[in-house]
């Protein structure tokens, strides 16, 4: 069972990080794995990842793609939260190796 205090701690870290610089997908994956614990299943890790993203969106973090232009940052997807979560979930299911999740999206508050 995931630890709610650890979830809050990881969420707070990710939000602070997103206020300083764009955050790529790997730190979220790492946080979800930490929250799930060593016995966490892949489906549990992916659900925790979606929960973290949902909570980040609720705190004003934008989800999108990194711009190819220097200095432009993250280009938000500008879709409703449910659509964002569905898109991320679909992308996670399409990749066999979690290392490939890095291409799914970026997160930013700036």
PDB file of N, CA and C in Angstrom:
ATOM      1  N   UNK A   1       0.845  -1.187   0.000  1.00  0.00           N
ATOM      2  CA  UNK A   1       0.000   0.000   0.000  1.00  0.00           C
ATOM      3  C   UNK A   1       0.884   1.243   0.000  1.00  0.00           C
ATOM      4  N   UNK A   2       0.611   2.167  -0.925  1.00  0.00           N
ATOM      5  CA  UNK A   2       1.423   3.386  -0.997  1.00  0.00           C
ATOM      6  C   UNK A   2       1.310   4.226   0.273  1.00  0.00           C
ATOM      7  N   UNK A   3       2.382   4.885   0.602  1.00  0.00           N
ATOM      8  CA  UNK A   3       2.494   5.718   1.795  1.00  0.00           C
ATOM      9  C   UNK A   3       2.058   7.143   1.441  1.00  0.00           C
ATOM     10  N   UNK A   4       0.971   7.629   2.064  1.00  0.00           N
ATOM     11  CA  UNK A   4       0.443   8.957   1.723  1.00  0.00           C
ATOM     12  C   UNK A   4       1.402  10.078   2.127  1.00  0.00           C
ATOM     13  N   UNK A   5       2.149   9.898   3.227  1.00  0.00           N
ATOM     14  CA  UNK A   5       3.126  10.911   3.613  1.00  0.00           C
ATOM     15  C   UNK A   5       4.248  10.989   2.588  1.00  0.00           C
ATOM     16  N   UNK A   6       4.672   9.835   2.097  1.00  0.00           N
ATOM     17  CA  UNK A   6       5.712   9.804   1.074  1.00  0.00           C
ATOM     18  C   UNK A   6       5.192  10.408  -0.229  1.00  0.00           C
ATOM     19  N   UNK A   7       3.926  10.144  -0.557  1.00  0.00           N
ATOM     20  CA  UNK A   7       3.309  10.738  -1.748  1.00  0.00           C
ATOM     21  C   UNK A   7       3.361  12.268  -1.647  1.00  0.00           C
ATOM     22  N   UNK A   8       2.972  12.799  -0.499  1.00  0.00           N
ATOM     23  CA  UNK A   8       2.981  14.254  -0.306  1.00  0.00           C
ATOM     24  C   UNK A   8       4.401  14.805  -0.401  1.00  0.00           C
ATOM     25  N   UNK A   9       5.338  14.115   0.208  1.00  0.00           N
ATOM     26  CA  UNK A   9       6.738  14.547   0.165  1.00  0.00           C
ATOM     27  C   UNK A   9       7.266  14.577  -1.273  1.00  0.00           C
ATOM     28  N   UNK A  10       7.004  13.532  -2.023  1.00  0.00           N
ATOM     29  CA  UNK A  10       7.460  13.469  -3.422  1.00  0.00           C
ATOM     30  C   UNK A  10       6.743  14.512  -4.267  1.00  0.00           C
ATOM     31  N   UNK A  11       5.448  14.671  -4.047  1.00  0.00           N
ATOM     32  CA  UNK A  11       4.669  15.667  -4.780  1.00  0.00           C
ATOM     33  C   UNK A  11       5.215  17.068  -4.524  1.00  0.00           C
ATOM     34  N   UNK A  12       5.466  17.388  -3.273  1.00  0.00           N
ATOM     35  CA  UNK A  12       6.006  18.710  -2.930  1.00  0.00           C
ATOM     36  C   UNK A  12       7.341  18.949  -3.625  1.00  0.00           C
ATOM     37  N   UNK A  13       8.184  17.929  -3.643  1.00  0.00           N
ATOM     38  CA  UNK A  13       9.480  18.042  -4.325  1.00  0.00           C
ATOM     39  C   UNK A  13       9.279  18.313  -5.825  1.00  0.00           C
ATOM     40  N   UNK A  14       8.397  17.548  -6.459  1.00  0.00           N
ATOM     41  CA  UNK A  14       8.173  17.709  -7.898  1.00  0.00           C
ATOM     42  C   UNK A  14       7.610  19.089  -8.230  1.00  0.00           C
ATOM     43  N   UNK A  15       6.739  19.589  -7.399  1.00  0.00           N
ATOM     44  CA  UNK A  15       6.163  20.925  -7.620  1.00  0.00           C
ATOM     45  C   UNK A  15       7.236  21.997  -7.461  1.00  0.00           C
ATOM     46  N   UNK A  16       8.072  21.870  -6.430  1.00  0.00           N
ATOM     47  CA  UNK A  16       9.175  22.837  -6.264  1.00  0.00           C
ATOM     48  C   UNK A  16      10.104  22.792  -7.473  1.00  0.00           C
ATOM     49  N   UNK A  17      10.435  21.599  -7.910  1.00  0.00           N
ATOM     50  CA  UNK A  17      11.301  21.408  -9.074  1.00  0.00           C
ATOM     51  C   UNK A  17      10.690  22.078 -10.306  1.00  0.00           C
ATOM     52  N   UNK A  18       9.393  21.877 -10.536  1.00  0.00           N
ATOM     53  CA  UNK A  18       8.717  22.443 -11.708  1.00  0.00           C
ATOM     54  C   UNK A  18       8.651  23.966 -11.660  1.00  0.00           C
ATOM     55  N   UNK A  19       8.761  24.546 -10.474  1.00  0.00           N
ATOM     56  CA  UNK A  19       8.796  26.001 -10.354  1.00  0.00           C
ATOM     57  C   UNK A  19      10.182  26.561 -10.675  1.00  0.00           C
ATOM     58  N   UNK A  20      11.197  25.707 -10.651  1.00  0.00           N
ATOM     59  CA  UNK A  20      12.567  26.146 -10.940  1.00  0.00           C
ATOM     60  C   UNK A  20      12.968  25.903 -12.394  1.00  0.00           C
ATOM     61  N   UNK A  21      12.493  24.805 -12.962  1.00  0.00           N
ATOM     62  CA  UNK A  21      12.898  24.408 -14.315  1.00  0.00           C
ATOM     63  C   UNK A  21      11.922  23.371 -14.838  1.00  0.00           C
ATOM     64  N   UNK A  22      11.862  23.213 -16.161  1.00  0.00           N
ATOM     65  CA  UNK A  22      11.021  22.136 -16.706  1.00  0.00           C
ATOM     66  C   UNK A  22      11.477  20.772 -16.177  1.00  0.00           C
ATOM     67  N   UNK A  23      10.504  19.926 -15.903  1.00  0.00           N
ATOM     68  CA  UNK A  23      10.760  18.599 -15.352  1.00  0.00           C
ATOM     69  C   UNK A  23      10.406  17.563 -16.412  1.00  0.00           C
ATOM     70  N   UNK A  24      11.339  16.685 -16.716  1.00  0.00           N
ATOM     71  CA  UNK A  24      11.031  15.619 -17.663  1.00  0.00           C
ATOM     72  C   UNK A  24      10.389  14.462 -16.911  1.00  0.00           C
ATOM     73  N   UNK A  25       9.968  13.421 -17.615  1.00  0.00           N
ATOM     74  CA  UNK A  25       9.135  12.374 -17.042  1.00  0.00           C
ATOM     75  C   UNK A  25       9.848  11.507 -16.001  1.00  0.00           C
ATOM     76  N   UNK A  26      11.120  11.305 -16.153  1.00  0.00           N
ATOM     77  CA  UNK A  26      11.841  10.364 -15.291  1.00  0.00           C
ATOM     78  C   UNK A  26      11.729  10.654 -13.794  1.00  0.00           C
ATOM     79  N   UNK A  27      11.823  11.902 -13.337  1.00  0.00           N
ATOM     80  CA  UNK A  27      11.664  12.137 -11.893  1.00  0.00           C
ATOM     81  C   UNK A  27      10.285  11.714 -11.361  1.00  0.00           C
ATOM     82  N   UNK A  28       9.248  11.837 -12.199  1.00  0.00           N
ATOM     83  CA  UNK A  28       7.931  11.375 -11.763  1.00  0.00           C
ATOM     84  C   UNK A  28       7.898   9.868 -11.640  1.00  0.00           C
ATOM     85  N   UNK A  29       8.488   9.205 -12.616  1.00  0.00           N
ATOM     86  CA  UNK A  29       8.562   7.749 -12.582  1.00  0.00           C
ATOM     87  C   UNK A  29       9.339   7.301 -11.335  1.00  0.00           C
ATOM     88  N   UNK A  30      10.457   7.949 -11.079  1.00  0.00           N
ATOM     89  CA  UNK A  30      11.260   7.607  -9.902  1.00  0.00           C
ATOM     90  C   UNK A  30      10.458   7.800  -8.613  1.00  0.00           C
ATOM     91  N   UNK A  31       9.713   8.900  -8.535  1.00  0.00           N
ATOM     92  CA  UNK A  31       8.904   9.168  -7.346  1.00  0.00           C
ATOM     93  C   UNK A  31       7.828   8.101  -7.184  1.00  0.00           C
ATOM     94  N   UNK A  32       7.177   7.717  -8.279  1.00  0.00           N
ATOM     95  CA  UNK A  32       6.137   6.685  -8.219  1.00  0.00           C
ATOM     96  C   UNK A  32       6.715   5.350  -7.763  1.00  0.00           C
ATOM     97  N   UNK A  33       7.893   5.009  -8.261  1.00  0.00           N
ATOM     98  CA  UNK A  33       8.536   3.762  -7.841  1.00  0.00           C
ATOM     99  C   UNK A  33       8.856   3.796  -6.344  1.00  0.00           C
ATOM    100  N   UNK A  34       9.316   4.944  -5.871  1.00  0.00           N
ATOM    101  CA  UNK A  34       9.644   5.092  -4.448  1.00  0.00           C
ATOM    102  C   UNK A  34       8.384   4.940  -3.592  1.00  0.00           C
ATOM    103  N   UNK A  35       7.296   5.564  -4.024  1.00  0.00           N
ATOM    104  CA  UNK A  35       6.037   5.502  -3.282  1.00  0.00           C
ATOM    105  C   UNK A  35       5.481   4.075  -3.294  1.00  0.00           C
ATOM    106  N   UNK A  36       5.571   3.393  -4.428  1.00  0.00           N
ATOM    107  CA  UNK A  36       5.050   2.028  -4.557  1.00  0.00           C
ATOM    108  C   UNK A  36       5.843   1.035  -3.720  1.00  0.00           C
ATOM    109  N   UNK A  37       7.101   1.328  -3.499  1.00  0.00           N
ATOM    110  CA  UNK A  37       7.944   0.417  -2.737  1.00  0.00           C
ATOM    111  C   UNK A  37       8.522  -0.680  -3.607  1.00  0.00           C
ATOM    112  N   UNK A  38       9.427  -1.440  -3.033  1.00  0.00           N
ATOM    113  CA  UNK A  38      10.163  -2.441  -3.826  1.00  0.00           C
ATOM    114  C   UNK A  38       9.266  -3.536  -4.378  1.00  0.00           C
ATOM    115  N   UNK A  39       8.107  -3.757  -3.773  1.00  0.00           N
ATOM    116  CA  UNK A  39       7.199  -4.797  -4.251  1.00  0.00           C
ATOM    117  C   UNK A  39       6.079  -4.248  -5.137  1.00  0.00           C
ATOM    118  N   UNK A  40       6.148  -2.970  -5.498  1.00  0.00           N
ATOM    119  CA  UNK A  40       5.111  -2.367  -6.323  1.00  0.00           C
ATOM    120  C   UNK A  40       5.094  -2.941  -7.726  1.00  0.00           C
ATOM    121  N   UNK A  41       3.907  -3.236  -8.218  1.00  0.00           N
ATOM    122  CA  UNK A  41       3.759  -3.753  -9.584  1.00  0.00           C
ATOM    123  C   UNK A  41       3.840  -2.609 -10.592  1.00  0.00           C
ATOM    124  N   UNK A  42       4.049  -2.948 -11.844  1.00  0.00           N
ATOM    125  CA  UNK A  42       4.105  -1.928 -12.900  1.00  0.00           C
ATOM    126  C   UNK A  42       2.780  -1.167 -12.974  1.00  0.00           C
ATOM    127  N   UNK A  43       1.663  -1.874 -12.868  1.00  0.00           N
ATOM    128  CA  UNK A  43       0.372  -1.180 -12.939  1.00  0.00           C
ATOM    129  C   UNK A  43       0.188  -0.235 -11.753  1.00  0.00           C
ATOM    130  N   UNK A  44       0.663  -0.635 -10.579  1.00  0.00           N
ATOM    131  CA  UNK A  44       0.579   0.234  -9.416  1.00  0.00           C
ATOM    132  C   UNK A  44       1.469   1.471  -9.596  1.00  0.00           C
ATOM    133  N   UNK A  45       2.667   1.274 -10.108  1.00  0.00           N
ATOM    134  CA  UNK A  45       3.578   2.393 -10.354  1.00  0.00           C
ATOM    135  C   UNK A  45       2.968   3.364 -11.359  1.00  0.00           C
ATOM    136  N   UNK A  46       2.350   2.826 -12.414  1.00  0.00           N
ATOM    137  CA  UNK A  46       1.738   3.708 -13.408  1.00  0.00           C
ATOM    138  C   UNK A  46       0.559   4.470 -12.821  1.00  0.00           C
ATOM    139  N   UNK A  47      -0.235   3.825 -11.963  1.00  0.00           N
ATOM    140  CA  UNK A  47      -1.365   4.529 -11.333  1.00  0.00           C
ATOM    141  C   UNK A  47      -0.865   5.625 -10.400  1.00  0.00           C
ATOM    142  N   UNK A  48       0.177   5.342  -9.656  1.00  0.00           N
ATOM    143  CA  UNK A  48       0.754   6.368  -8.777  1.00  0.00           C
ATOM    144  C   UNK A  48       1.298   7.523  -9.602  1.00  0.00           C
ATOM    145  N   UNK A  49       1.913   7.211 -10.734  1.00  0.00           N
ATOM    146  CA  UNK A  49       2.406   8.256 -11.636  1.00  0.00           C
ATOM    147  C   UNK A  49       1.254   9.161 -12.063  1.00  0.00           C
ATOM    148  N   UNK A  50       0.139   8.569 -12.459  1.00  0.00           N
ATOM    149  CA  UNK A  50      -1.033   9.355 -12.867  1.00  0.00           C
ATOM    150  C   UNK A  50      -1.588  10.166 -11.699  1.00  0.00           C
ATOM    151  N   UNK A  51      -1.572   9.598 -10.498  1.00  0.00           N
ATOM    152  CA  UNK A  51      -2.036  10.343  -9.319  1.00  0.00           C
ATOM    153  C   UNK A  51      -1.144  11.553  -9.051  1.00  0.00           C
ATOM    154  N   UNK A  52       0.166  11.366  -9.183  1.00  0.00           N
ATOM    155  CA  UNK A  52       1.095  12.492  -9.006  1.00  0.00           C
ATOM    156  C   UNK A  52       0.837  13.577 -10.047  1.00  0.00           C
ATOM    157  N   UNK A  53       0.661  13.168 -11.299  1.00  0.00           N
ATOM    158  CA  UNK A  53       0.400  14.146 -12.362  1.00  0.00           C
ATOM    159  C   UNK A  53      -0.899  14.889 -12.088  1.00  0.00           C
ATOM    160  N   UNK A  54      -1.934  14.165 -11.688  1.00  0.00           N
ATOM    161  CA  UNK A  54      -3.216  14.793 -11.370  1.00  0.00           C
ATOM    162  C   UNK A  54      -3.051  15.832 -10.262  1.00  0.00           C
ATOM    163  N   UNK A  55      -2.335  15.457  -9.215  1.00  0.00           N
ATOM    164  CA  UNK A  55      -2.111  16.383  -8.105  1.00  0.00           C
ATOM    165  C   UNK A  55      -1.256  17.570  -8.538  1.00  0.00           C
ATOM    166  N   UNK A  56      -0.294  17.343  -9.411  1.00  0.00           N
ATOM    167  CA  UNK A  56       0.537  18.439  -9.910  1.00  0.00           C
ATOM    168  C   UNK A  56      -0.308  19.426 -10.719  1.00  0.00           C
ATOM    169  N   UNK A  57      -1.185  18.902 -11.572  1.00  0.00           N
ATOM    170  CA  UNK A  57      -2.074  19.766 -12.360  1.00  0.00           C
ATOM    171  C   UNK A  57      -2.944  20.595 -11.420  1.00  0.00           C
ATOM    172  N   UNK A  58      -3.462  19.961 -10.374  1.00  0.00           N
ATOM    173  CA  UNK A  58      -4.290  20.684  -9.400  1.00  0.00           C
ATOM    174  C   UNK A  58      -3.520  21.808  -8.713  1.00  0.00           C
ATOM    175  N   UNK A  59      -2.200  21.697  -8.677  1.00  0.00           N
ATOM    176  CA  UNK A  59      -1.352  22.723  -8.066  1.00  0.00           C
ATOM    177  C   UNK A  59      -0.805  23.715  -9.098  1.00  0.00           C
ATOM    178  N   UNK A  60      -1.346  23.675 -10.317  1.00  0.00           N
ATOM    179  CA  UNK A  60      -0.976  24.670 -11.324  1.00  0.00           C
ATOM    180  C   UNK A  60       0.173  24.289 -12.239  1.00  0.00           C
ATOM    181  N   UNK A  61       0.644  23.063 -12.153  1.00  0.00           N
ATOM    182  CA  UNK A  61       1.725  22.622 -13.034  1.00  0.00           C
ATOM    183  C   UNK A  61       1.131  22.289 -14.402  1.00  0.00           C
ATOM    184  N   UNK A  62       1.790  22.761 -15.439  1.00  0.00           N
ATOM    185  CA  UNK A  62       1.339  22.521 -16.805  1.00  0.00           C
ATOM    186  C   UNK A  62       2.048  21.304 -17.381  1.00  0.00           C
ATOM    187  N   UNK A  63       1.331  20.567 -18.219  1.00  0.00           N
ATOM    188  CA  UNK A  63       1.859  19.379 -18.877  1.00  0.00           C
ATOM    189  C   UNK A  63       1.909  19.668 -20.367  1.00  0.00           C
ATOM    190  N   UNK A  64       3.019  19.296 -21.010  1.00  0.00           N
ATOM    191  CA  UNK A  64       3.116  19.543 -22.439  1.00  0.00           C
ATOM    192  C   UNK A  64       4.382  18.965 -23.027  1.00  0.00           C
ATOM    193  N   UNK A  65       4.732  19.504 -24.176  1.00  0.00           N
ATOM    194  CA  UNK A  65       5.928  19.074 -24.892  1.00  0.00           C
ATOM    195  C   UNK A  65       6.997  20.157 -24.781  1.00  0.00           C
ATOM    196  N   UNK A  66       8.233  19.730 -24.757  1.00  0.00           N
ATOM    197  CA  UNK A  66       9.335  20.685 -24.720  1.00  0.00           C
ATOM    198  C   UNK A  66       9.486  21.307 -26.110  1.00  0.00           C
ATOM    199  N   UNK A  67       9.584  22.613 -26.136  1.00  0.00           N
ATOM    200  CA  UNK A  67       9.779  23.318 -27.395  1.00  0.00           C
ATOM    201  C   UNK A  67      11.160  23.018 -27.967  1.00  0.00           C
ATOM    202  N   UNK A  68      11.244  22.999 -29.276  1.00  0.00           N
ATOM    203  CA  UNK A  68      12.530  22.810 -29.947  1.00  0.00           C
ATOM    204  C   UNK A  68      13.345  24.101 -29.923  1.00  0.00           C
ATOM    205  N   UNK A  69      12.683  25.226 -29.623  1.00  0.00           N
ATOM    206  CA  UNK A  69      13.356  26.518 -29.603  1.00  0.00           C
ATOM    207  C   UNK A  69      13.999  26.763 -28.241  1.00  0.00           C
ATOM    208  N   UNK A  70      15.237  27.197 -28.262  1.00  0.00           N
ATOM    209  CA  UNK A  70      15.945  27.513 -27.022  1.00  0.00           C
ATOM    210  C   UNK A  70      15.191  28.586 -26.237  1.00  0.00           C
ATOM    211  N   UNK A  71      15.070  28.359 -24.942  1.00  0.00           N
ATOM    212  CA  UNK A  71      14.464  29.349 -24.075  1.00  0.00           C
ATOM    213  C   UNK A  71      12.952  29.376 -24.080  1.00  0.00           C
ATOM    214  N   UNK A  72      12.313  28.581 -24.912  1.00  0.00           N
ATOM    215  CA  UNK A  72      10.852  28.625 -24.988  1.00  0.00           C
ATOM    216  C   UNK A  72      10.185  27.741 -23.939  1.00  0.00           C
ATOM    217  N   UNK A  73      10.861  26.711 -23.469  1.00  0.00           N
ATOM    218  CA  UNK A  73      10.330  25.861 -22.409  1.00  0.00           C
ATOM    219  C   UNK A  73       9.256  24.904 -22.871  1.00  0.00           C
ATOM    220  N   UNK A  74       8.345  24.603 -21.950  1.00  0.00           N
ATOM    221  CA  UNK A  74       7.291  23.628 -22.184  1.00  0.00           C
ATOM    222  C   UNK A  74       6.107  24.301 -22.880  1.00  0.00           C
ATOM    223  N   UNK A  75       5.626  23.654 -23.935  1.00  0.00           N
ATOM    224  CA  UNK A  75       4.433  24.117 -24.644  1.00  0.00           C
ATOM    225  C   UNK A  75       3.262  23.287 -24.116  1.00  0.00           C
ATOM    226  N   UNK A  76       2.370  23.911 -23.323  1.00  0.00           N
ATOM    227  CA  UNK A  76       1.275  23.154 -22.708  1.00  0.00           C
ATOM    228  C   UNK A  76       0.353  22.511 -23.749  1.00  0.00           C
ATOM    229  N   UNK A  77      -0.188  21.368 -23.392  1.00  0.00           N
ATOM    230  CA  UNK A  77      -1.123  20.680 -24.275  1.00  0.00           C
ATOM    231  C   UNK A  77      -2.459  21.410 -24.348  1.00  0.00           C
ATOM    232  N   UNK A  78      -2.805  22.187 -23.343  1.00  0.00           N
ATOM    233  CA  UNK A  78      -4.068  22.931 -23.312  1.00  0.00           C
ATOM    234  C   UNK A  78      -5.283  22.054 -23.577  1.00  0.00           C
ATOM    235  N   UNK A  79      -5.363  20.962 -22.850  1.00  0.00           N
ATOM    236  CA  UNK A  79      -6.536  20.086 -22.889  1.00  0.00           C
ATOM    237  C   UNK A  79      -6.991  19.884 -21.439  1.00  0.00           C
ATOM    238  N   UNK A  80      -8.231  19.468 -21.247  1.00  0.00           N
ATOM    239  CA  UNK A  80      -8.699  19.227 -19.875  1.00  0.00           C
ATOM    240  C   UNK A  80      -7.842  18.175 -19.158  1.00  0.00           C
ATOM    241  N   UNK A  81      -7.856  18.262 -17.838  1.00  0.00           N
ATOM    242  CA  UNK A  81      -7.048  17.363 -17.014  1.00  0.00           C
ATOM    243  C   UNK A  81      -7.310  15.891 -17.343  1.00  0.00           C
ATOM    244  N   UNK A  82      -8.567  15.506 -17.475  1.00  0.00           N
ATOM    245  CA  UNK A  82      -8.884  14.099 -17.777  1.00  0.00           C
ATOM    246  C   UNK A  82      -8.263  13.659 -19.092  1.00  0.00           C
ATOM    247  N   UNK A  83      -8.271  14.538 -20.081  1.00  0.00           N
ATOM    248  CA  UNK A  83      -7.659  14.207 -21.376  1.00  0.00           C
ATOM    249  C   UNK A  83      -6.142  14.070 -21.242  1.00  0.00           C
ATOM    250  N   UNK A  84      -5.552  14.937 -20.430  1.00  0.00           N
ATOM    251  CA  UNK A  84      -4.108  14.853 -20.191  1.00  0.00           C
ATOM    252  C   UNK A  84      -3.751  13.518 -19.539  1.00  0.00           C
ATOM    253  N   UNK A  85      -4.489  13.153 -18.509  1.00  0.00           N
ATOM    254  CA  UNK A  85      -4.215  11.898 -17.800  1.00  0.00           C
ATOM    255  C   UNK A  85      -4.433  10.694 -18.717  1.00  0.00           C
ATOM    256  N   UNK A  86      -5.467  10.739 -19.530  1.00  0.00           N
ATOM    257  CA  UNK A  86      -5.747   9.648 -20.474  1.00  0.00           C
ATOM    258  C   UNK A  86      -4.609   9.530 -21.497  1.00  0.00           C
ATOM    259  N   UNK A  87      -4.143  10.663 -21.985  1.00  0.00           N
ATOM    260  CA  UNK A  87      -3.046  10.660 -22.963  1.00  0.00           C
ATOM    261  C   UNK A  87      -1.771  10.063 -22.363  1.00  0.00           C
ATOM    262  N   UNK A  88      -1.444  10.477 -21.140  1.00  0.00           N
ATOM    263  CA  UNK A  88      -0.248   9.946 -20.477  1.00  0.00           C
ATOM    264  C   UNK A  88      -0.405   8.443 -20.239  1.00  0.00           C
ATOM    265  N   UNK A  89      -1.584   8.021 -19.773  1.00  0.00           N
ATOM    266  CA  UNK A  89      -1.824   6.589 -19.529  1.00  0.00           C
ATOM    267  C   UNK A  89      -1.672   5.794 -20.820  1.00  0.00           C
ATOM    268  N   UNK A  90      -2.236   6.304 -21.912  1.00  0.00           N
ATOM    269  CA  UNK A  90      -2.115   5.627 -23.213  1.00  0.00           C
ATOM    270  C   UNK A  90      -0.656   5.511 -23.636  1.00  0.00           C
ATOM    271  N   UNK A  91       0.088   6.594 -23.450  1.00  0.00           N
ATOM    272  CA  UNK A  91       1.509   6.589 -23.819  1.00  0.00           C
ATOM    273  C   UNK A  91       2.300   5.589 -22.978  1.00  0.00           C
ATOM    274  N   UNK A  92       2.004   5.515 -21.688  1.00  0.00           N
ATOM    275  CA  UNK A  92       2.716   4.559 -20.837  1.00  0.00           C
ATOM    276  C   UNK A  92       2.432   3.124 -21.294  1.00  0.00           C
ATOM    277  N   UNK A  93       1.185   2.850 -21.678  1.00  0.00           N
ATOM    278  CA  UNK A  93       0.832   1.501 -22.147  1.00  0.00           C
ATOM    279  C   UNK A  93       1.528   1.144 -23.459  1.00  0.00           C
ATOM    280  N   UNK A  94       1.815   2.149 -24.279  1.00  0.00           N
ATOM    281  CA  UNK A  94       2.438   1.905 -25.587  1.00  0.00           C
ATOM    282  C   UNK A  94       3.917   1.574 -25.493  1.00  0.00           C
ATOM    283  N   UNK A  95       4.551   1.937 -24.394  1.00  0.00           N
ATOM    284  CA  UNK A  95       5.987   1.698 -24.247  1.00  0.00           C
ATOM    285  C   UNK A  95       6.220   0.465 -23.372  1.00  0.00           C
ATOM    286  N   UNK A  96       7.043  -0.438 -23.855  1.00  0.00           N
ATOM    287  CA  UNK A  96       7.379  -1.643 -23.093  1.00  0.00           C
ATOM    288  C   UNK A  96       8.378  -1.344 -21.986  1.00  0.00           C
ATOM    289  N   UNK A  97       9.296  -0.432 -22.263  1.00  0.00           N
ATOM    290  CA  UNK A  97      10.375  -0.130 -21.323  1.00  0.00           C
ATOM    291  C   UNK A  97      10.130   1.243 -20.701  1.00  0.00           C
ATOM    292  N   UNK A  98      10.001   1.314 -19.368  1.00  0.00           N
ATOM    293  CA  UNK A  98       9.775   2.609 -18.715  1.00  0.00           C
ATOM    294  C   UNK A  98      10.838   3.659 -19.031  1.00  0.00           C
ATOM    295  N   UNK A  99      12.014   3.247 -19.468  1.00  0.00           N
ATOM    296  CA  UNK A  99      13.045   4.215 -19.868  1.00  0.00           C
ATOM    297  C   UNK A  99      12.521   5.087 -21.013  1.00  0.00           C
ATOM    298  N   UNK A 100      11.634   4.522 -21.854  1.00  0.00           N
ATOM    299  CA  UNK A 100      11.082   5.266 -22.988  1.00  0.00           C
ATOM    300  C   UNK A 100      10.015   6.279 -22.572  1.00  0.00           C
ATOM    301  N   UNK A 101       9.591   6.249 -21.304  1.00  0.00           N
ATOM    302  CA  UNK A 101       8.583   7.196 -20.833  1.00  0.00           C
ATOM    303  C   UNK A 101       9.093   8.632 -20.898  1.00  0.00           C
ATOM    304  N   UNK A 102      10.395   8.792 -20.990  1.00  0.00           N
ATOM    305  CA  UNK A 102      10.975  10.137 -21.023  1.00  0.00           C
ATOM    306  C   UNK A 102      10.401  10.981 -22.149  1.00  0.00           C
ATOM    307  N   UNK A 103       9.926  10.331 -23.207  1.00  0.00           N
ATOM    308  CA  UNK A 103       9.393  11.044 -24.365  1.00  0.00           C
ATOM    309  C   UNK A 103       7.909  11.412 -24.229  1.00  0.00           C
ATOM    310  N   UNK A 104       7.266  11.023 -23.147  1.00  0.00           N
ATOM    311  CA  UNK A 104       5.834  11.234 -23.029  1.00  0.00           C
ATOM    312  C   UNK A 104       5.472  12.713 -22.893  1.00  0.00           C
ATOM    313  N   UNK A 105       6.062  13.408 -21.928  1.00  0.00           N
ATOM    314  CA  UNK A 105       5.717  14.812 -21.707  1.00  0.00           C
ATOM    315  C   UNK A 105       6.684  15.448 -20.733  1.00  0.00           C
ATOM    316  N   UNK A 106       6.525  16.745 -20.575  1.00  0.00           N
ATOM    317  CA  UNK A 106       7.293  17.543 -19.627  1.00  0.00           C
ATOM    318  C   UNK A 106       6.319  18.277 -18.712  1.00  0.00           C
ATOM    319  N   UNK A 107       6.837  18.813 -17.616  1.00  0.00           N
ATOM    320  CA  UNK A 107       6.030  19.507 -16.619  1.00  0.00           C
ATOM    321  C   UNK A 107       6.700  20.829 -16.273  1.00  0.00           C
ATOM    322  N   UNK A 108       5.879  21.880 -16.124  1.00  0.00           N
ATOM    323  CA  UNK A 108       6.443  23.183 -15.813  1.00  0.00           C
ATOM    324  C   UNK A 108       5.428  24.083 -15.133  1.00  0.00           C
ATOM    325  N   UNK A 109       5.931  24.908 -14.237  1.00  0.00           N
ATOM    326  CA  UNK A 109       5.115  25.947 -13.619  1.00  0.00           C
ATOM    327  C   UNK A 109       5.513  27.312 -14.159  1.00  0.00           C
ATOM    328  N   UNK A 110       6.579  27.343 -14.949  1.00  0.00           N
ATOM    329  CA  UNK A 110       7.080  28.624 -15.455  1.00  0.00           C
ATOM    330  C   UNK A 110       6.914  28.738 -16.947  1.00  0.00           C
TER     331      UNK A 110
END
